[in-house]
Amino acid sequence: MKLIWNDNPRTSEEIISALSPKMGWSAQTVKTLINRLLKKGIIDFEKEGRIYKYYPLISRGDYIRIENKSFLEKVYDGALSMLVSNFLEEESLSEKEIERIQKILEKKKHENQDKKKR
């Protein structure tokens, strides 16, 4: 998807040429991936003669949100606090990262308080 988001439309040959050596995938594996993305409605194509050019139907940001929700449901039964606490307990964070997380949490706290006032 990064290839298609960064430069589109892209032909299947361009996608295969970029992914095959990098990922060690066969051309057929890349074609299967393209077909799965088409079926999921993540990409679409325009046909020019015998050439198919693929382009994204969903932005990178929207895709990340969808995948995050899916991961959260599959792994943590939708419990965001479990994901965050597990991550924070397992990973070492710099002071800068801790400050950023604190700011995000404070912002969310204020947003929730504002919603309750309405």
N, C-alpha and C. Protein backbone atom coordinates (compact mmCIF):
# COMPACT_ATOMS: atom_id res chain seq x y z
N MET A 1 0.83 -1.20 0.00
CA MET A 1 0.00 0.00 0.00
C MET A 1 0.86 1.25 0.00
N LYS A 2 2.00 1.20 0.69
CA LYS A 2 2.87 2.38 0.72
C LYS A 2 3.26 2.81 -0.69
N LEU A 3 3.55 1.83 -1.53
CA LEU A 3 3.90 2.13 -2.92
C LEU A 3 2.79 2.89 -3.62
N ILE A 4 1.58 2.41 -3.44
CA ILE A 4 0.43 3.00 -4.13
C ILE A 4 0.07 4.35 -3.53
N TRP A 5 0.19 4.48 -2.20
CA TRP A 5 -0.09 5.78 -1.59
C TRP A 5 0.95 6.82 -2.01
N ASN A 6 2.20 6.40 -2.08
CA ASN A 6 3.27 7.35 -2.40
C ASN A 6 3.29 7.79 -3.85
N ASP A 7 2.84 6.93 -4.76
CA ASP A 7 2.89 7.26 -6.18
C ASP A 7 1.82 6.45 -6.90
N ASN A 8 0.80 7.10 -7.36
CA ASN A 8 -0.27 6.37 -8.04
C ASN A 8 -0.79 7.20 -9.20
N PRO A 9 -1.40 6.52 -10.18
CA PRO A 9 -1.63 5.08 -10.23
C PRO A 9 -0.34 4.33 -10.56
N ARG A 10 -0.35 3.05 -10.22
CA ARG A 10 0.78 2.16 -10.47
C ARG A 10 0.30 0.92 -11.21
N THR A 11 1.09 0.46 -12.15
CA THR A 11 0.75 -0.76 -12.87
C THR A 11 1.15 -1.96 -12.01
N SER A 12 0.57 -3.12 -12.33
CA SER A 12 0.94 -4.33 -11.60
C SER A 12 2.43 -4.64 -11.81
N GLU A 13 2.93 -4.36 -12.99
CA GLU A 13 4.36 -4.61 -13.25
C GLU A 13 5.24 -3.73 -12.36
N GLU A 14 4.84 -2.48 -12.17
CA GLU A 14 5.60 -1.58 -11.29
C GLU A 14 5.56 -2.07 -9.84
N ILE A 15 4.40 -2.53 -9.43
CA ILE A 15 4.24 -3.03 -8.06
C ILE A 15 5.08 -4.29 -7.87
N ILE A 16 5.01 -5.19 -8.83
CA ILE A 16 5.79 -6.44 -8.77
C ILE A 16 7.28 -6.12 -8.75
N SER A 17 7.72 -5.22 -9.62
CA SER A 17 9.15 -4.86 -9.69
C SER A 17 9.66 -4.26 -8.38
N ALA A 18 8.81 -3.52 -7.71
CA ALA A 18 9.20 -2.90 -6.46
C ALA A 18 9.18 -3.89 -5.29
N LEU A 19 8.16 -4.76 -5.24
CA LEU A 19 7.99 -5.64 -4.09
C LEU A 19 8.76 -6.96 -4.17
N SER A 20 8.87 -7.52 -5.36
CA SER A 20 9.49 -8.85 -5.48
C SER A 20 10.90 -8.91 -4.90
N PRO A 21 11.81 -8.03 -5.31
CA PRO A 21 13.16 -8.13 -4.75
C PRO A 21 13.22 -7.72 -3.27
N LYS A 22 12.42 -6.74 -2.90
CA LYS A 22 12.44 -6.23 -1.52
C LYS A 22 11.88 -7.25 -0.53
N MET A 23 10.77 -7.89 -0.91
CA MET A 23 10.07 -8.80 -0.01
C MET A 23 10.40 -10.28 -0.28
N GLY A 24 11.02 -10.54 -1.43
CA GLY A 24 11.31 -11.92 -1.80
C GLY A 24 10.06 -12.67 -2.26
N TRP A 25 9.07 -11.91 -2.75
CA TRP A 25 7.81 -12.51 -3.19
C TRP A 25 7.85 -12.78 -4.69
N SER A 26 7.13 -13.81 -5.11
CA SER A 26 6.98 -14.09 -6.54
C SER A 26 5.97 -13.12 -7.13
N ALA A 27 5.97 -13.03 -8.44
CA ALA A 27 5.00 -12.17 -9.13
C ALA A 27 3.58 -12.61 -8.80
N GLN A 28 3.35 -13.92 -8.70
CA GLN A 28 2.02 -14.43 -8.40
C GLN A 28 1.57 -14.02 -6.99
N THR A 29 2.49 -14.01 -6.05
CA THR A 29 2.16 -13.59 -4.68
C THR A 29 1.73 -12.13 -4.67
N VAL A 30 2.44 -11.28 -5.42
CA VAL A 30 2.09 -9.86 -5.49
C VAL A 30 0.72 -9.69 -6.16
N LYS A 31 0.47 -10.45 -7.20
CA LYS A 31 -0.84 -10.38 -7.88
C LYS A 31 -1.96 -10.81 -6.93
N THR A 32 -1.70 -11.82 -6.12
CA THR A 32 -2.69 -12.25 -5.13
C THR A 32 -2.96 -11.14 -4.13
N LEU A 33 -1.91 -10.46 -3.69
CA LEU A 33 -2.06 -9.33 -2.77
C LEU A 33 -2.90 -8.22 -3.40
N ILE A 34 -2.62 -7.90 -4.64
CA ILE A 34 -3.38 -6.87 -5.36
C ILE A 34 -4.86 -7.27 -5.42
N ASN A 35 -5.13 -8.52 -5.74
CA ASN A 35 -6.53 -8.99 -5.82
C ASN A 35 -7.23 -8.92 -4.47
N ARG A 36 -6.51 -9.23 -3.40
CA ARG A 36 -7.11 -9.13 -2.06
C ARG A 36 -7.44 -7.68 -1.72
N LEU A 37 -6.55 -6.77 -2.07
CA LEU A 37 -6.79 -5.34 -1.82
C LEU A 37 -7.98 -4.84 -2.64
N LEU A 38 -8.12 -5.34 -3.86
CA LEU A 38 -9.27 -4.98 -4.70
C LEU A 38 -10.56 -5.48 -4.06
N LYS A 39 -10.58 -6.75 -3.62
CA LYS A 39 -11.78 -7.33 -3.02
C LYS A 39 -12.18 -6.62 -1.73
N LYS A 40 -11.20 -6.14 -0.99
CA LYS A 40 -11.48 -5.43 0.27
C LYS A 40 -11.91 -3.99 0.03
N GLY A 41 -11.81 -3.52 -1.22
CA GLY A 41 -12.20 -2.15 -1.53
C GLY A 41 -11.18 -1.12 -1.08
N ILE A 42 -9.94 -1.53 -0.95
CA ILE A 42 -8.88 -0.62 -0.51
C ILE A 42 -8.23 0.07 -1.71
N ILE A 43 -8.18 -0.65 -2.83
CA ILE A 43 -7.68 -0.07 -4.08
C ILE A 43 -8.68 -0.34 -5.19
N ASP A 44 -8.49 0.37 -6.30
CA ASP A 44 -9.27 0.11 -7.50
C ASP A 44 -8.33 0.29 -8.68
N PHE A 45 -8.84 0.13 -9.88
CA PHE A 45 -7.98 0.25 -11.06
C PHE A 45 -8.70 0.96 -12.18
N GLU A 46 -7.89 1.46 -13.09
CA GLU A 46 -8.39 1.96 -14.36
C GLU A 46 -7.64 1.18 -15.43
N LYS A 47 -8.34 0.83 -16.47
CA LYS A 47 -7.74 0.02 -17.52
C LYS A 47 -7.43 0.89 -18.72
N GLU A 48 -6.19 0.79 -19.16
CA GLU A 48 -5.75 1.49 -20.38
C GLU A 48 -5.23 0.44 -21.34
N GLY A 49 -6.06 0.04 -22.29
CA GLY A 49 -5.68 -1.05 -23.19
C GLY A 49 -5.58 -2.33 -22.40
N ARG A 50 -4.40 -2.92 -22.40
CA ARG A 50 -4.19 -4.16 -21.64
C ARG A 50 -3.53 -3.91 -20.29
N ILE A 51 -3.34 -2.65 -19.96
CA ILE A 51 -2.63 -2.28 -18.73
C ILE A 51 -3.63 -1.85 -17.67
N TYR A 52 -3.46 -2.39 -16.47
CA TYR A 52 -4.27 -2.01 -15.31
C TYR A 52 -3.43 -1.09 -14.43
N LYS A 53 -4.00 0.04 -14.08
CA LYS A 53 -3.33 0.99 -13.20
C LYS A 53 -4.11 1.09 -11.90
N TYR A 54 -3.42 0.82 -10.80
CA TYR A 54 -4.06 0.75 -9.49
C TYR A 54 -3.86 2.03 -8.70
N TYR A 55 -4.90 2.40 -7.95
CA TYR A 55 -4.84 3.61 -7.13
C TYR A 55 -5.62 3.35 -5.83
N PRO A 56 -5.30 4.08 -4.78
CA PRO A 56 -5.97 3.84 -3.49
C PRO A 56 -7.38 4.41 -3.45
N LEU A 57 -8.24 3.72 -2.74
CA LEU A 57 -9.60 4.21 -2.48
C LEU A 57 -9.72 4.74 -1.06
N ILE A 58 -8.70 4.48 -0.27
CA ILE A 58 -8.72 4.86 1.14
C ILE A 58 -7.38 5.52 1.48
N SER A 59 -7.44 6.56 2.28
CA SER A 59 -6.21 7.26 2.64
C SER A 59 -5.39 6.44 3.63
N ARG A 60 -4.13 6.76 3.73
CA ARG A 60 -3.24 6.08 4.67
C ARG A 60 -3.79 6.22 6.09
N GLY A 61 -4.21 7.42 6.46
CA GLY A 61 -4.73 7.67 7.80
C GLY A 61 -5.97 6.84 8.12
N ASP A 62 -6.91 6.79 7.16
CA ASP A 62 -8.12 5.99 7.36
C ASP A 62 -7.79 4.51 7.48
N TYR A 63 -6.85 4.05 6.66
CA TYR A 63 -6.45 2.65 6.70
C TYR A 63 -5.83 2.29 8.05
N ILE A 64 -4.99 3.17 8.55
CA ILE A 64 -4.35 2.93 9.85
C ILE A 64 -5.40 2.87 10.95
N ARG A 65 -6.38 3.76 10.91
CA ARG A 65 -7.46 3.74 11.90
C ARG A 65 -8.23 2.41 11.85
N ILE A 66 -8.54 1.95 10.66
CA ILE A 66 -9.27 0.69 10.50
C ILE A 66 -8.45 -0.48 11.03
N GLU A 67 -7.17 -0.53 10.66
CA GLU A 67 -6.30 -1.61 11.11
C GLU A 67 -6.08 -1.57 12.62
N ASN A 68 -5.95 -0.37 13.17
CA ASN A 68 -5.79 -0.24 14.62
C ASN A 68 -7.00 -0.81 15.35
N LYS A 69 -8.20 -0.46 14.87
CA LYS A 69 -9.42 -0.97 15.50
C LYS A 69 -9.50 -2.49 15.38
N SER A 70 -9.15 -3.00 14.21
CA SER A 70 -9.18 -4.44 13.99
C SER A 70 -8.20 -5.16 14.93
N PHE A 71 -6.99 -4.64 15.04
CA PHE A 71 -5.98 -5.21 15.92
C PHE A 71 -6.45 -5.17 17.37
N LEU A 72 -6.99 -4.03 17.78
CA LEU A 72 -7.46 -3.86 19.15
C LEU A 72 -8.56 -4.88 19.48
N GLU A 73 -9.47 -5.09 18.55
CA GLU A 73 -10.54 -6.07 18.76
C GLU A 73 -9.99 -7.50 18.82
N LYS A 74 -9.12 -7.85 17.88
CA LYS A 74 -8.59 -9.21 17.80
C LYS A 74 -7.72 -9.57 19.00
N VAL A 75 -6.85 -8.66 19.41
CA VAL A 75 -5.85 -8.98 20.42
C VAL A 75 -6.31 -8.62 21.83
N TYR A 76 -7.00 -7.51 21.98
CA TYR A 76 -7.35 -7.01 23.32
C TYR A 76 -8.86 -6.92 23.57
N ASP A 77 -9.65 -7.58 22.73
CA ASP A 77 -11.11 -7.53 22.87
C ASP A 77 -11.63 -6.10 22.96
N GLY A 78 -10.97 -5.18 22.27
CA GLY A 78 -11.41 -3.80 22.21
C GLY A 78 -10.99 -2.94 23.39
N ALA A 79 -10.23 -3.50 24.33
CA ALA A 79 -9.84 -2.76 25.53
C ALA A 79 -8.56 -1.95 25.28
N LEU A 80 -8.74 -0.70 24.94
CA LEU A 80 -7.61 0.17 24.65
C LEU A 80 -6.67 0.32 25.84
N SER A 81 -7.24 0.40 27.04
CA SER A 81 -6.40 0.58 28.23
C SER A 81 -5.44 -0.60 28.42
N MET A 82 -5.89 -1.82 28.06
CA MET A 82 -5.00 -3.00 28.16
C MET A 82 -3.85 -2.89 27.18
N LEU A 83 -4.13 -2.47 25.96
CA LEU A 83 -3.08 -2.30 24.96
C LEU A 83 -2.06 -1.28 25.43
N VAL A 84 -2.54 -0.13 25.88
CA VAL A 84 -1.64 0.94 26.30
C VAL A 84 -0.82 0.52 27.51
N SER A 85 -1.46 -0.08 28.51
CA SER A 85 -0.72 -0.47 29.71
C SER A 85 0.30 -1.55 29.39
N ASN A 86 -0.05 -2.53 28.56
CA ASN A 86 0.92 -3.56 28.16
C ASN A 86 2.10 -2.94 27.42
N PHE A 87 1.80 -2.04 26.53
CA PHE A 87 2.86 -1.39 25.77
C PHE A 87 3.78 -0.60 26.69
N LEU A 88 3.21 0.19 27.57
CA LEU A 88 4.00 1.04 28.46
C LEU A 88 4.84 0.22 29.44
N GLU A 89 4.32 -0.91 29.87
CA GLU A 89 5.08 -1.77 30.78
C GLU A 89 6.23 -2.48 30.09
N GLU A 90 6.07 -2.79 28.82
CA GLU A 90 7.07 -3.57 28.09
C GLU A 90 8.16 -2.73 27.42
N GLU A 91 7.83 -1.53 27.04
CA GLU A 91 8.76 -0.70 26.26
C GLU A 91 9.44 0.34 27.13
N SER A 92 10.68 0.65 26.77
CA SER A 92 11.35 1.76 27.44
C SER A 92 11.08 3.02 26.63
N LEU A 93 10.78 4.10 27.35
CA LEU A 93 10.42 5.35 26.70
C LEU A 93 11.38 6.45 27.11
N SER A 94 11.67 7.34 26.18
CA SER A 94 12.49 8.50 26.50
C SER A 94 11.63 9.52 27.25
N GLU A 95 12.29 10.47 27.88
CA GLU A 95 11.56 11.54 28.57
C GLU A 95 10.64 12.28 27.60
N LYS A 96 11.13 12.51 26.40
CA LYS A 96 10.36 13.22 25.39
C LYS A 96 9.10 12.44 25.03
N GLU A 97 9.22 11.11 24.87
CA GLU A 97 8.06 10.28 24.55
C GLU A 97 7.06 10.27 25.70
N ILE A 98 7.56 10.20 26.93
CA ILE A 98 6.68 10.22 28.10
C ILE A 98 5.92 11.54 28.16
N GLU A 99 6.60 12.64 27.92
CA GLU A 99 5.95 13.96 27.92
C GLU A 99 4.88 14.04 26.84
N ARG A 100 5.17 13.50 25.67
CA ARG A 100 4.19 13.53 24.57
C ARG A 100 2.96 12.72 24.94
N ILE A 101 3.16 11.55 25.53
CA ILE A 101 2.03 10.71 25.94
C ILE A 101 1.22 11.41 27.02
N GLN A 102 1.89 12.05 27.96
CA GLN A 102 1.18 12.79 29.01
C GLN A 102 0.33 13.91 28.41
N LYS A 103 0.87 14.61 27.44
CA LYS A 103 0.12 15.69 26.79
C LYS A 103 -1.12 15.15 26.08
N ILE A 104 -0.96 14.04 25.40
CA ILE A 104 -2.09 13.42 24.70
C ILE A 104 -3.17 13.01 25.71
N LEU A 105 -2.77 12.41 26.81
CA LEU A 105 -3.73 11.98 27.83
C LEU A 105 -4.43 13.18 28.47
N GLU A 106 -3.69 14.24 28.72
CA GLU A 106 -4.30 15.45 29.29
C GLU A 106 -5.31 16.06 28.32
N LYS A 107 -4.96 16.07 27.05
CA LYS A 107 -5.87 16.60 26.04
C LYS A 107 -7.16 15.77 26.00
N LYS A 108 -7.02 14.45 26.02
CA LYS A 108 -8.19 13.56 26.02
C LYS A 108 -9.04 13.78 27.27
N LYS A 109 -8.38 13.95 28.40
CA LYS A 109 -9.08 14.18 29.66
C LYS A 109 -9.92 15.45 29.58
N HIS A 110 -9.34 16.52 29.04
CA HIS A 110 -10.07 17.79 28.89
C HIS A 110 -11.22 17.65 27.90
N GLU A 111 -11.00 16.92 26.81
CA GLU A 111 -12.07 16.70 25.83
C GLU A 111 -13.23 15.96 26.47
N ASN A 112 -12.94 14.95 27.28
CA ASN A 112 -13.99 14.19 27.96
C ASN A 112 -14.75 15.06 28.95
N GLN A 113 -14.03 15.91 29.67
CA GLN A 113 -14.67 16.81 30.63
C GLN A 113 -15.58 17.81 29.91
N ASP A 114 -15.12 18.30 28.76
CA ASP A 114 -15.94 19.23 27.96
C ASP A 114 -17.22 18.55 27.47
N LYS A 115 -17.12 17.28 27.06
CA LYS A 115 -18.30 16.53 26.59
C LYS A 115 -19.31 16.36 27.71
N LYS A 116 -18.82 16.11 28.92
CA LYS A 116 -19.71 15.90 30.07
C LYS A 116 -20.47 17.19 30.42
N LYS A 117 -19.85 18.33 30.19
CA LYS A 117 -20.47 19.62 30.51
C LYS A 117 -21.61 19.93 29.56
N ARG A 118 -21.59 19.38 28.37
CA ARG A 118 -22.62 19.68 27.35
C ARG A 118 -23.91 19.02 27.61
